Amino acid sequence: AGLPLSERGRAEAKAAAMTQAEHLANLMEQAPLGVQIGLLQEPEPSYQ
């Protein structure tokens, strides 16, 4: 987000975001060994 991209580049960036989100959802469902994922609602952490 915020990068100066072409229209095509921004479309690819949005498609990539959806791919990553779908992948995370799959990991949440599969719960592979050694991986734990939680989803936080408000309040949002102020920094990573």
All heavy atoms as atom14 arrays in JSON, in Angstrom:
{
  "sequence": "AGLPLSERGRAEAKAAAMTQAEHLANLMEQAPLGVQIGLLQEPEPSYQ",
  "atom14_mask": [
    [1, 1, 1, 1, 1, 0, 0, 0, 0, 0, 0, 0, 0, 0],
    [1, 1, 1, 1, 0, 0, 0, 0, 0, 0, 0, 0, 0, 0],
    [1, 1, 1, 1, 1, 1, 1, 1, 0, 0, 0, 0, 0, 0],
    [1, 1, 1, 1, 1, 1, 1, 0, 0, 0, 0, 0, 0, 0],
    [1, 1, 1, 1, 1, 1, 1, 1, 0, 0, 0, 0, 0, 0],
    [1, 1, 1, 1, 1, 1, 0, 0, 0, 0, 0, 0, 0, 0],
    [1, 1, 1, 1, 1, 1, 1, 1, 1, 0, 0, 0, 0, 0],
    [1, 1, 1, 1, 1, 1, 1, 1, 1, 1, 1, 0, 0, 0],
    [1, 1, 1, 1, 0, 0, 0, 0, 0, 0, 0, 0, 0, 0],
    [1, 1, 1, 1, 1, 1, 1, 1, 1, 1, 1, 0, 0, 0],
    [1, 1, 1, 1, 1, 0, 0, 0, 0, 0, 0, 0, 0, 0],
    [1, 1, 1, 1, 1, 1, 1, 1, 1, 0, 0, 0, 0, 0],
    [1, 1, 1, 1, 1, 0, 0, 0, 0, 0, 0, 0, 0, 0],
    [1, 1, 1, 1, 1, 1, 1, 1, 1, 0, 0, 0, 0, 0],
    [1, 1, 1, 1, 1, 0, 0, 0, 0, 0, 0, 0, 0, 0],
    [1, 1, 1, 1, 1, 0, 0, 0, 0, 0, 0, 0, 0, 0],
    [1, 1, 1, 1, 1, 0, 0, 0, 0, 0, 0, 0, 0, 0],
    [1, 1, 1, 1, 1, 1, 1, 1, 0, 0, 0, 0, 0, 0],
    [1, 1, 1, 1, 1, 1, 1, 0, 0, 0, 0, 0, 0, 0],
    [1, 1, 1, 1, 1, 1, 1, 1, 1, 0, 0, 0, 0, 0],
    [1, 1, 1, 1, 1, 0, 0, 0, 0, 0, 0, 0, 0, 0],
    [1, 1, 1, 1, 1, 1, 1, 1, 1, 0, 0, 0, 0, 0],
    [1, 1, 1, 1, 1, 1, 1, 1, 1, 1, 0, 0, 0, 0],
    [1, 1, 1, 1, 1, 1, 1, 1, 0, 0, 0, 0, 0, 0],
    [1, 1, 1, 1, 1, 0, 0, 0, 0, 0, 0, 0, 0, 0],
    [1, 1, 1, 1, 1, 1, 1, 1, 0, 0, 0, 0, 0, 0],
    [1, 1, 1, 1, 1, 1, 1, 1, 0, 0, 0, 0, 0, 0],
    [1, 1, 1, 1, 1, 1, 1, 1, 0, 0, 0, 0, 0, 0],
    [1, 1, 1, 1, 1, 1, 1, 1, 1, 0, 0, 0, 0, 0],
    [1, 1, 1, 1, 1, 1, 1, 1, 1, 0, 0, 0, 0, 0],
    [1, 1, 1, 1, 1, 0, 0, 0, 0, 0, 0, 0, 0, 0],
    [1, 1, 1, 1, 1, 1, 1, 0, 0, 0, 0, 0, 0, 0],
    [1, 1, 1, 1, 1, 1, 1, 1, 0, 0, 0, 0, 0, 0],
    [1, 1, 1, 1, 0, 0, 0, 0, 0, 0, 0, 0, 0, 0],
    [1, 1, 1, 1, 1, 1, 1, 0, 0, 0, 0, 0, 0, 0],
    [1, 1, 1, 1, 1, 1, 1, 1, 1, 0, 0, 0, 0, 0],
    [1, 1, 1, 1, 1, 1, 1, 1, 0, 0, 0, 0, 0, 0],
    [1, 1, 1, 1, 0, 0, 0, 0, 0, 0, 0, 0, 0, 0],
    [1, 1, 1, 1, 1, 1, 1, 1, 0, 0, 0, 0, 0, 0],
    [1, 1, 1, 1, 1, 1, 1, 1, 0, 0, 0, 0, 0, 0],
    [1, 1, 1, 1, 1, 1, 1, 1, 1, 0, 0, 0, 0, 0],
    [1, 1, 1, 1, 1, 1, 1, 1, 1, 0, 0, 0, 0, 0],
    [1, 1, 1, 1, 1, 1, 1, 0, 0, 0, 0, 0, 0, 0],
    [1, 1, 1, 1, 1, 1, 1, 1, 1, 0, 0, 0, 0, 0],
    [1, 1, 1, 1, 1, 1, 1, 0, 0, 0, 0, 0, 0, 0],
    [1, 1, 1, 1, 1, 1, 0, 0, 0, 0, 0, 0, 0, 0],
    [1, 1, 1, 1, 1, 1, 1, 1, 1, 1, 1, 1, 0, 0],
    [1, 1, 1, 1, 1, 1, 1, 1, 1, 0, 0, 0, 0, 0]
  ],
  "atom14_positions": [
    [[0.84, -1.2, 0.0], [0.0, 0.0, 0.0], [0.87, 1.25, 0.0], [1.87, 1.33, 0.7], [-0.9, 0.0, 1.23], [0.0, 0.0, 0.0], [0.0, 0.0, 0.0], [0.0, 0.0, 0.0], [0.0, 0.0, 0.0], [0.0, 0.0, 0.0], [0.0, 0.0, 0.0], [0.0, 0.0, 0.0], [0.0, 0.0, 0.0], [0.0, 0.0, 0.0]],
    [[0.48, 2.22, -0.8], [1.22, 3.48, -0.86], [2.3, 3.52, -1.91], [2.84, 4.6, -2.19], [0.0, 0.0, 0.0], [0.0, 0.0, 0.0], [0.0, 0.0, 0.0], [0.0, 0.0, 0.0], [0.0, 0.0, 0.0], [0.0, 0.0, 0.0], [0.0, 0.0, 0.0], [0.0, 0.0, 0.0], [0.0, 0.0, 0.0], [0.0, 0.0, 0.0]],
    [[2.63, 2.39, -2.51], [3.66, 2.39, -3.55], [3.13, 3.03, -4.84], [1.96, 2.82, -5.2], [4.13, 0.96, -3.86], [4.89, 0.22, -2.77], [5.3, -1.15, -3.27], [6.11, 1.01, -2.33], [0.0, 0.0, 0.0], [0.0, 0.0, 0.0], [0.0, 0.0, 0.0], [0.0, 0.0, 0.0], [0.0, 0.0, 0.0], [0.0, 0.0, 0.0]],
    [[3.97, 3.78, -5.55], [3.55, 4.35, -6.83], [3.58, 3.28, -7.92], [4.62, 3.01, -8.51], [4.6, 5.44, -7.08], [5.83, 4.93, -6.39], [5.34, 4.19, -5.18], [0.0, 0.0, 0.0], [0.0, 0.0, 0.0], [0.0, 0.0, 0.0], [0.0, 0.0, 0.0], [0.0, 0.0, 0.0], [0.0, 0.0, 0.0], [0.0, 0.0, 0.0]],
    [[2.44, 2.66, -8.16], [2.37, 1.56, -9.11], [1.47, 1.93, -10.29], [0.61, 2.8, -10.19], [1.82, 0.3, -8.43], [2.61, -0.25, -7.25], [1.84, -1.39, -6.59], [3.99, -0.73, -7.69], [0.0, 0.0, 0.0], [0.0, 0.0, 0.0], [0.0, 0.0, 0.0], [0.0, 0.0, 0.0], [0.0, 0.0, 0.0], [0.0, 0.0, 0.0]],
    [[1.68, 1.23, -11.38], [0.79, 1.37, -12.53], [-0.55, 0.74, -12.18], [-0.7, 0.06, -11.17], [1.4, 0.66, -13.74], [1.51, -0.74, -13.48], [0.0, 0.0, 0.0], [0.0, 0.0, 0.0], [0.0, 0.0, 0.0], [0.0, 0.0, 0.0], [0.0, 0.0, 0.0], [0.0, 0.0, 0.0], [0.0, 0.0, 0.0], [0.0, 0.0, 0.0]],
    [[-1.53, 0.98, -13.02], [-2.86, 0.39, -12.81], [-2.76, -1.12, -12.78], [-3.4, -1.79, -11.96], [-3.81, 0.86, -13.91], [-5.25, 0.39, -13.73], [-6.18, 0.95, -14.78], [-5.82, 1.97, -15.4], [-7.27, 0.36, -14.98], [0.0, 0.0, 0.0], [0.0, 0.0, 0.0], [0.0, 0.0, 0.0], [0.0, 0.0, 0.0], [0.0, 0.0, 0.0]],
    [[-1.95, -1.67, -13.67], [-1.76, -3.13, -13.69], [-1.06, -3.61, -12.42], [-1.45, -4.62, -11.83], [-0.93, -3.52, -14.92], [-0.61, -5.01, -14.99], [0.24, -5.32, -16.2], [0.61, -6.72, -16.23], [1.39, -7.27, -17.17], [1.87, -6.52, -18.15], [1.67, -8.55, -17.14], [0.0, 0.0, 0.0], [0.0, 0.0, 0.0], [0.0, 0.0, 0.0]],
    [[-0.05, -2.85, -11.99], [0.68, -3.23, -10.78], [-0.23, -3.22, -9.56], [-0.15, -4.13, -8.71], [0.0, 0.0, 0.0], [0.0, 0.0, 0.0], [0.0, 0.0, 0.0], [0.0, 0.0, 0.0], [0.0, 0.0, 0.0], [0.0, 0.0, 0.0], [0.0, 0.0, 0.0], [0.0, 0.0, 0.0], [0.0, 0.0, 0.0], [0.0, 0.0, 0.0]],
    [[-1.1, -2.2, -9.45], [-2.0, -2.14, -8.3], [-3.01, -3.28, -8.34], [-3.37, -3.84, -7.29], [-2.71, -0.78, -8.28], [-3.66, -0.57, -7.1], [-3.01, -0.88, -5.77], [-1.83, -0.11, -5.5], [-0.96, -0.4, -4.54], [-1.14, -1.47, -3.78], [0.1, 0.36, -4.34], [0.0, 0.0, 0.0], [0.0, 0.0, 0.0], [0.0, 0.0, 0.0]],
    [[-3.47, -3.65, -9.54], [-4.39, -4.79, -9.65], [-3.7, -6.07, -9.2], [-4.31, -6.92, -8.51], [-4.88, -4.91, -11.09], [0.0, 0.0, 0.0], [0.0, 0.0, 0.0], [0.0, 0.0, 0.0], [0.0, 0.0, 0.0], [0.0, 0.0, 0.0], [0.0, 0.0, 0.0], [0.0, 0.0, 0.0], [0.0, 0.0, 0.0], [0.0, 0.0, 0.0]],
    [[-2.44, -6.25, -9.57], [-1.69, -7.43, -9.15], [-1.48, -7.42, -7.64], [-1.52, -8.46, -6.99], [-0.34, -7.48, -9.87], [-0.45, -7.77, -11.36], [0.9, -7.75, -12.04], [1.89, -7.3, -11.42], [0.98, -8.18, -13.21], [0.0, 0.0, 0.0], [0.0, 0.0, 0.0], [0.0, 0.0, 0.0], [0.0, 0.0, 0.0], [0.0, 0.0, 0.0]],
    [[-1.28, -6.23, -7.09], [-1.08, -6.1, -5.64], [-2.34, -6.51, -4.88], [-2.27, -7.17, -3.84], [-0.69, -4.67, -5.29], [0.0, 0.0, 0.0], [0.0, 0.0, 0.0], [0.0, 0.0, 0.0], [0.0, 0.0, 0.0], [0.0, 0.0, 0.0], [0.0, 0.0, 0.0], [0.0, 0.0, 0.0], [0.0, 0.0, 0.0], [0.0, 0.0, 0.0]],
    [[-3.51, -6.12, -5.4], [-4.77, -6.48, -4.76], [-5.03, -7.98, -4.88], [-5.52, -8.61, -3.93], [-5.93, -5.69, -5.37], [-5.88, -4.2, -5.03], [-7.07, -3.46, -5.64], [-7.03, -1.97, -5.27], [-8.18, -1.24, -5.85], [0.0, 0.0, 0.0], [0.0, 0.0, 0.0], [0.0, 0.0, 0.0], [0.0, 0.0, 0.0], [0.0, 0.0, 0.0]],
    [[-4.72, -8.54, -6.04], [-4.89, -9.99, -6.22], [-3.96, -10.75, -5.28], [-4.34, -11.78, -4.7], [-4.61, -10.36, -7.67], [0.0, 0.0, 0.0], [0.0, 0.0, 0.0], [0.0, 0.0, 0.0], [0.0, 0.0, 0.0], [0.0, 0.0, 0.0], [0.0, 0.0, 0.0], [0.0, 0.0, 0.0], [0.0, 0.0, 0.0], [0.0, 0.0, 0.0]],
    [[-2.75, -10.24, -5.1], [-1.79, -10.89, -4.19], [-2.28, -10.82, -2.75], [-2.1, -11.77, -1.98], [-0.42, -10.23, -4.31], [0.0, 0.0, 0.0], [0.0, 0.0, 0.0], [0.0, 0.0, 0.0], [0.0, 0.0, 0.0], [0.0, 0.0, 0.0], [0.0, 0.0, 0.0], [0.0, 0.0, 0.0], [0.0, 0.0, 0.0], [0.0, 0.0, 0.0]],
    [[-2.92, -9.71, -2.37], [-3.46, -9.58, -1.02], [-4.54, -10.62, -0.77], [-4.59, -11.25, 0.3], [-4.02, -8.18, -0.81], [0.0, 0.0, 0.0], [0.0, 0.0, 0.0], [0.0, 0.0, 0.0], [0.0, 0.0, 0.0], [0.0, 0.0, 0.0], [0.0, 0.0, 0.0], [0.0, 0.0, 0.0], [0.0, 0.0, 0.0], [0.0, 0.0, 0.0]],
    [[-5.41, -10.84, -1.75], [-6.45, -11.84, -1.6], [-5.84, -13.24, -1.48], [-6.28, -14.06, -0.67], [-7.42, -11.79, -2.78], [-8.61, -12.74, -2.62], [-9.75, -12.73, -4.03], [-10.29, -11.03, -4.0], [0.0, 0.0, 0.0], [0.0, 0.0, 0.0], [0.0, 0.0, 0.0], [0.0, 0.0, 0.0], [0.0, 0.0, 0.0], [0.0, 0.0, 0.0]],
    [[-4.8, -13.51, -2.28], [-4.13, -14.81, -2.22], [-3.55, -15.07, -0.83], [-3.68, -16.16, -0.28], [-3.01, -14.88, -3.28], [-3.58, -14.76, -4.58], [-2.25, -16.21, -3.18], [0.0, 0.0, 0.0], [0.0, 0.0, 0.0], [0.0, 0.0, 0.0], [0.0, 0.0, 0.0], [0.0, 0.0, 0.0], [0.0, 0.0, 0.0], [0.0, 0.0, 0.0]],
    [[-2.9, -14.04, -0.27], [-2.31, -14.21, 1.07], [-3.39, -14.41, 2.13], [-3.23, -15.22, 3.05], [-1.45, -12.99, 1.41], [-0.24, -12.78, 0.51], [0.63, -14.02, 0.4], [0.97, -14.66, 1.39], [0.99, -14.37, -0.83], [0.0, 0.0, 0.0], [0.0, 0.0, 0.0], [0.0, 0.0, 0.0], [0.0, 0.0, 0.0], [0.0, 0.0, 0.0]],
    [[-4.48, -13.68, 2.02], [-5.56, -13.82, 2.99], [-6.2, -15.21, 2.9], [-6.49, -15.84, 3.93], [-6.61, -12.74, 2.76], [0.0, 0.0, 0.0], [0.0, 0.0, 0.0], [0.0, 0.0, 0.0], [0.0, 0.0, 0.0], [0.0, 0.0, 0.0], [0.0, 0.0, 0.0], [0.0, 0.0, 0.0], [0.0, 0.0, 0.0], [0.0, 0.0, 0.0]],
    [[-6.42, -15.7, 1.68], [-6.97, -17.05, 1.5], [-6.02, -18.1, 2.08], [-6.46, -19.06, 2.72], [-7.21, -17.32, 0.01], [-8.37, -16.56, -0.6], [-9.72, -17.2, -0.26], [-9.73, -18.2, 0.49], [-10.74, -16.67, -0.73], [0.0, 0.0, 0.0], [0.0, 0.0, 0.0], [0.0, 0.0, 0.0], [0.0, 0.0, 0.0], [0.0, 0.0, 0.0]],
    [[-4.74, -17.89, 1.88], [-3.74, -18.82, 2.42], [-3.78, -18.84, 3.94], [-3.73, -19.91, 4.57], [-2.36, -18.4, 1.92], [-1.24, -19.22, 2.47], [-1.1, -20.57, 2.2], [-0.19, -18.89, 3.29], [-0.01, -21.04, 2.82], [0.54, -20.03, 3.49], [0.0, 0.0, 0.0], [0.0, 0.0, 0.0], [0.0, 0.0, 0.0], [0.0, 0.0, 0.0]],
    [[-3.9, -17.66, 4.55], [-3.99, -17.6, 6.0], [-5.24, -18.29, 6.52], [-5.2, -18.99, 7.54], [-3.97, -16.13, 6.46], [-2.63, -15.41, 6.35], [-2.8, -13.91, 6.56], [-1.64, -15.97, 7.37], [0.0, 0.0, 0.0], [0.0, 0.0, 0.0], [0.0, 0.0, 0.0], [0.0, 0.0, 0.0], [0.0, 0.0, 0.0], [0.0, 0.0, 0.0]],
    [[-6.36, -18.09, 5.82], [-7.6, -18.76, 6.22], [-7.45, -20.28, 6.16], [-7.92, -21.01, 7.05], [-8.75, -18.3, 5.33], [0.0, 0.0, 0.0], [0.0, 0.0, 0.0], [0.0, 0.0, 0.0], [0.0, 0.0, 0.0], [0.0, 0.0, 0.0], [0.0, 0.0, 0.0], [0.0, 0.0, 0.0], [0.0, 0.0, 0.0], [0.0, 0.0, 0.0]],
    [[-6.78, -20.77, 5.13], [-6.54, -22.21, 5.01], [-5.67, -22.72, 6.17], [-5.93, -23.8, 6.72], [-5.85, -22.53, 3.68], [-6.77, -22.34, 2.49], [-8.0, -22.4, 2.62], [-6.2, -22.08, 1.32], [0.0, 0.0, 0.0], [0.0, 0.0, 0.0], [0.0, 0.0, 0.0], [0.0, 0.0, 0.0], [0.0, 0.0, 0.0], [0.0, 0.0, 0.0]],
    [[-4.64, -21.95, 6.53], [-3.78, -22.35, 7.65], [-4.56, -22.37, 8.96], [-4.35, -23.25, 9.8], [-2.59, -21.4, 7.76], [-1.53, -21.47, 6.67], [-0.47, -20.39, 6.89], [-0.86, -22.84, 6.65], [0.0, 0.0, 0.0], [0.0, 0.0, 0.0], [0.0, 0.0, 0.0], [0.0, 0.0, 0.0], [0.0, 0.0, 0.0], [0.0, 0.0, 0.0]],
    [[-5.46, -21.41, 9.13], [-6.28, -21.39, 10.34], [-7.13, -22.64, 10.44], [-7.32, -23.21, 11.52], [-7.19, -20.15, 10.33], [-6.45, -18.83, 10.51], [-7.56, -17.41, 10.21], [-6.48, -16.03, 10.58], [0.0, 0.0, 0.0], [0.0, 0.0, 0.0], [0.0, 0.0, 0.0], [0.0, 0.0, 0.0], [0.0, 0.0, 0.0], [0.0, 0.0, 0.0]],
    [[-7.66, -23.1, 9.3], [-8.5, -24.29, 9.29], [-7.69, -25.56, 9.49], [-8.1, -26.48, 10.2], [-9.27, -24.36, 7.96], [-10.31, -23.27, 7.79], [-10.88, -23.23, 6.39], [-10.26, -23.8, 5.47], [-11.96, -22.64, 6.22], [0.0, 0.0, 0.0], [0.0, 0.0, 0.0], [0.0, 0.0, 0.0], [0.0, 0.0, 0.0], [0.0, 0.0, 0.0]],
    [[-6.52, -25.61, 8.87], [-5.71, -26.84, 8.89], [-4.91, -26.99, 10.18], [-4.59, -28.11, 10.58], [-4.76, -26.84, 7.69], [-5.46, -26.87, 6.34], [-4.54, -26.5, 5.2], [-3.33, -26.35, 5.38], [-5.11, -26.35, 4.01], [0.0, 0.0, 0.0], [0.0, 0.0, 0.0], [0.0, 0.0, 0.0], [0.0, 0.0, 0.0], [0.0, 0.0, 0.0]],
    [[-4.56, -25.87, 10.81], [-3.76, -25.87, 12.04], [-2.54, -26.77, 11.93], [-2.41, -27.76, 12.65], [-4.62, -26.3, 13.23], [0.0, 0.0, 0.0], [0.0, 0.0, 0.0], [0.0, 0.0, 0.0], [0.0, 0.0, 0.0], [0.0, 0.0, 0.0], [0.0, 0.0, 0.0], [0.0, 0.0, 0.0], [0.0, 0.0, 0.0], [0.0, 0.0, 0.0]],
    [[-1.61, -26.48, 11.0], [-0.42, -27.32, 10.85], [0.43, -27.32, 12.12], [0.4, -26.37, 12.91], [0.33, -26.66, 9.68], [-0.18, -25.26, 9.64], [-1.59, -25.31, 10.1], [0.0, 0.0, 0.0], [0.0, 0.0, 0.0], [0.0, 0.0, 0.0], [0.0, 0.0, 0.0], [0.0, 0.0, 0.0], [0.0, 0.0, 0.0], [0.0, 0.0, 0.0]],
    [[1.19, -28.37, 12.31], [2.03, -28.52, 13.49], [3.03, -27.38, 13.59], [3.71, -27.05, 12.63], [2.77, -29.86, 13.44], [3.59, -30.24, 14.67], [2.67, -30.47, 15.86], [4.42, -31.49, 14.39], [0.0, 0.0, 0.0], [0.0, 0.0, 0.0], [0.0, 0.0, 0.0], [0.0, 0.0, 0.0], [0.0, 0.0, 0.0], [0.0, 0.0, 0.0]],
    [[3.11, -26.76, 14.76], [4.07, -25.7, 14.99], [3.6, -24.32, 14.56], [4.37, -23.36, 14.66], [0.0, 0.0, 0.0], [0.0, 0.0, 0.0], [0.0, 0.0, 0.0], [0.0, 0.0, 0.0], [0.0, 0.0, 0.0], [0.0, 0.0, 0.0], [0.0, 0.0, 0.0], [0.0, 0.0, 0.0], [0.0, 0.0, 0.0], [0.0, 0.0, 0.0]],
    [[2.35, -24.21, 14.1], [1.81, -22.91, 13.65], [0.51, -22.61, 14.39], [-0.4, -23.43, 14.4], [1.56, -22.9, 12.13], [0.89, -21.59, 11.71], [2.86, -23.11, 11.36], [0.0, 0.0, 0.0], [0.0, 0.0, 0.0], [0.0, 0.0, 0.0], [0.0, 0.0, 0.0], [0.0, 0.0, 0.0], [0.0, 0.0, 0.0], [0.0, 0.0, 0.0]],
    [[0.45, -21.44, 15.01], [-0.77, -20.98, 15.67], [-1.09, -19.58, 15.16], [-0.21, -18.72, 15.14], [-0.59, -20.94, 17.19], [-0.28, -22.28, 17.82], [-0.19, -22.17, 19.33], [-1.17, -22.34, 20.04], [1.01, -21.88, 19.82], [0.0, 0.0, 0.0], [0.0, 0.0, 0.0], [0.0, 0.0, 0.0], [0.0, 0.0, 0.0], [0.0, 0.0, 0.0]],
    [[-2.35, -19.37, 14.77], [-2.76, -18.08, 14.23], [-4.0, -17.61, 14.96], [-4.98, -18.35, 15.08], [-3.05, -18.17, 12.72], [-1.85, -18.75, 11.97], [-3.39, -16.78, 12.16], [-2.11, -18.97, 10.5], [0.0, 0.0, 0.0], [0.0, 0.0, 0.0], [0.0, 0.0, 0.0], [0.0, 0.0, 0.0], [0.0, 0.0, 0.0], [0.0, 0.0, 0.0]],
    [[-3.96, -16.38, 15.43], [-5.12, -15.76, 16.04], [-5.51, -14.51, 15.28], [-4.67, -13.87, 14.64], [0.0, 0.0, 0.0], [0.0, 0.0, 0.0], [0.0, 0.0, 0.0], [0.0, 0.0, 0.0], [0.0, 0.0, 0.0], [0.0, 0.0, 0.0], [0.0, 0.0, 0.0], [0.0, 0.0, 0.0], [0.0, 0.0, 0.0], [0.0, 0.0, 0.0]],
    [[-6.8, -14.17, 15.33], [-7.31, -12.99, 14.63], [-7.83, -12.02, 15.68], [-8.76, -12.33, 16.44], [-8.43, -13.39, 13.67], [-8.98, -12.29, 12.76], [-7.9, -11.72, 11.87], [-10.14, -12.83, 11.92], [0.0, 0.0, 0.0], [0.0, 0.0, 0.0], [0.0, 0.0, 0.0], [0.0, 0.0, 0.0], [0.0, 0.0, 0.0], [0.0, 0.0, 0.0]],
    [[-7.22, -10.83, 15.72], [-7.56, -9.83, 16.72], [-8.57, -8.84, 16.17], [-8.42, -8.3, 15.08], [-6.3, -9.05, 17.14], [-5.24, -9.84, 17.91], [-3.99, -8.99, 18.05], [-5.76, -10.24, 19.27], [0.0, 0.0, 0.0], [0.0, 0.0, 0.0], [0.0, 0.0, 0.0], [0.0, 0.0, 0.0], [0.0, 0.0, 0.0], [0.0, 0.0, 0.0]],
    [[-9.62, -8.58, 16.94], [-10.53, -7.5, 16.62], [-10.09, -6.24, 17.38], [-8.95, -6.17, 17.83], [-11.95, -7.91, 17.0], [-12.47, -9.09, 16.16], [-13.88, -9.48, 16.53], [-14.12, -10.08, 17.57], [-14.82, -9.12, 15.67], [0.0, 0.0, 0.0], [0.0, 0.0, 0.0], [0.0, 0.0, 0.0], [0.0, 0.0, 0.0], [0.0, 0.0, 0.0]],
    [[-10.93, -5.27, 17.51], [-10.55, -4.05, 18.22], [-10.32, -4.38, 19.7], [-10.99, -5.25, 20.26], [-11.64, -3.0, 18.07], [-11.85, -2.55, 16.63], [-12.91, -1.46, 16.52], [-13.43, -1.04, 17.57], [-13.22, -1.07, 15.39], [0.0, 0.0, 0.0], [0.0, 0.0, 0.0], [0.0, 0.0, 0.0], [0.0, 0.0, 0.0], [0.0, 0.0, 0.0]],
    [[-9.39, -3.7, 20.39], [-8.52, -2.66, 19.84], [-7.37, -3.25, 19.04], [-6.86, -4.32, 19.38], [-8.0, -1.94, 21.09], [-8.0, -3.0, 22.14], [-9.19, -3.86, 21.84], [0.0, 0.0, 0.0], [0.0, 0.0, 0.0], [0.0, 0.0, 0.0], [0.0, 0.0, 0.0], [0.0, 0.0, 0.0], [0.0, 0.0, 0.0], [0.0, 0.0, 0.0]],
    [[-6.97, -2.55, 17.99], [-5.88, -3.0, 17.14], [-4.54, -2.68, 17.8], [-4.37, -1.62, 18.39], [-5.96, -2.29, 15.79], [-4.87, -2.71, 14.82], [-4.92, -1.88, 13.55], [-5.41, -0.74, 13.6], [-4.48, -2.39, 12.5], [0.0, 0.0, 0.0], [0.0, 0.0, 0.0], [0.0, 0.0, 0.0], [0.0, 0.0, 0.0], [0.0, 0.0, 0.0]],
    [[-3.56, -3.6, 17.74], [-2.22, -3.27, 18.25], [-1.68, -2.02, 17.57], [-1.81, -1.85, 16.36], [-1.39, -4.52, 17.87], [-2.39, -5.63, 17.79], [-3.64, -4.98, 17.25], [0.0, 0.0, 0.0], [0.0, 0.0, 0.0], [0.0, 0.0, 0.0], [0.0, 0.0, 0.0], [0.0, 0.0, 0.0], [0.0, 0.0, 0.0], [0.0, 0.0, 0.0]],
    [[-1.08, -1.13, 18.36], [-0.63, 0.15, 17.83], [0.61, 0.01, 16.96], [0.94, 0.9, 16.18], [-0.35, 1.14, 18.97], [0.63, 0.62, 19.85], [0.0, 0.0, 0.0], [0.0, 0.0, 0.0], [0.0, 0.0, 0.0], [0.0, 0.0, 0.0], [0.0, 0.0, 0.0], [0.0, 0.0, 0.0], [0.0, 0.0, 0.0], [0.0, 0.0, 0.0]],
    [[1.35, -1.09, 17.12], [2.49, -1.36, 16.25], [2.77, -2.85, 16.26], [2.22, -3.59, 17.08], [3.72, -0.57, 16.7], [4.45, -1.14, 17.9], [5.79, -1.51, 17.81], [3.82, -1.31, 19.13], [6.47, -2.02, 18.91], [4.49, -1.81, 20.22], [5.81, -2.17, 20.11], [6.48, -2.67, 21.19], [0.0, 0.0, 0.0], [0.0, 0.0, 0.0]],
    [[3.57, -3.3, 15.33], [3.87, -4.73, 15.24], [5.06, -5.06, 16.12], [6.08, -4.38, 16.08], [4.18, -5.12, 13.79], [4.35, -6.62, 13.59], [4.76, -6.95, 12.16], [5.9, -7.28, 11.88], [3.81, -6.85, 11.25], [0.0, 0.0, 0.0], [0.0, 0.0, 0.0], [0.0, 0.0, 0.0], [0.0, 0.0, 0.0], [0.0, 0.0, 0.0]]
  ]
}
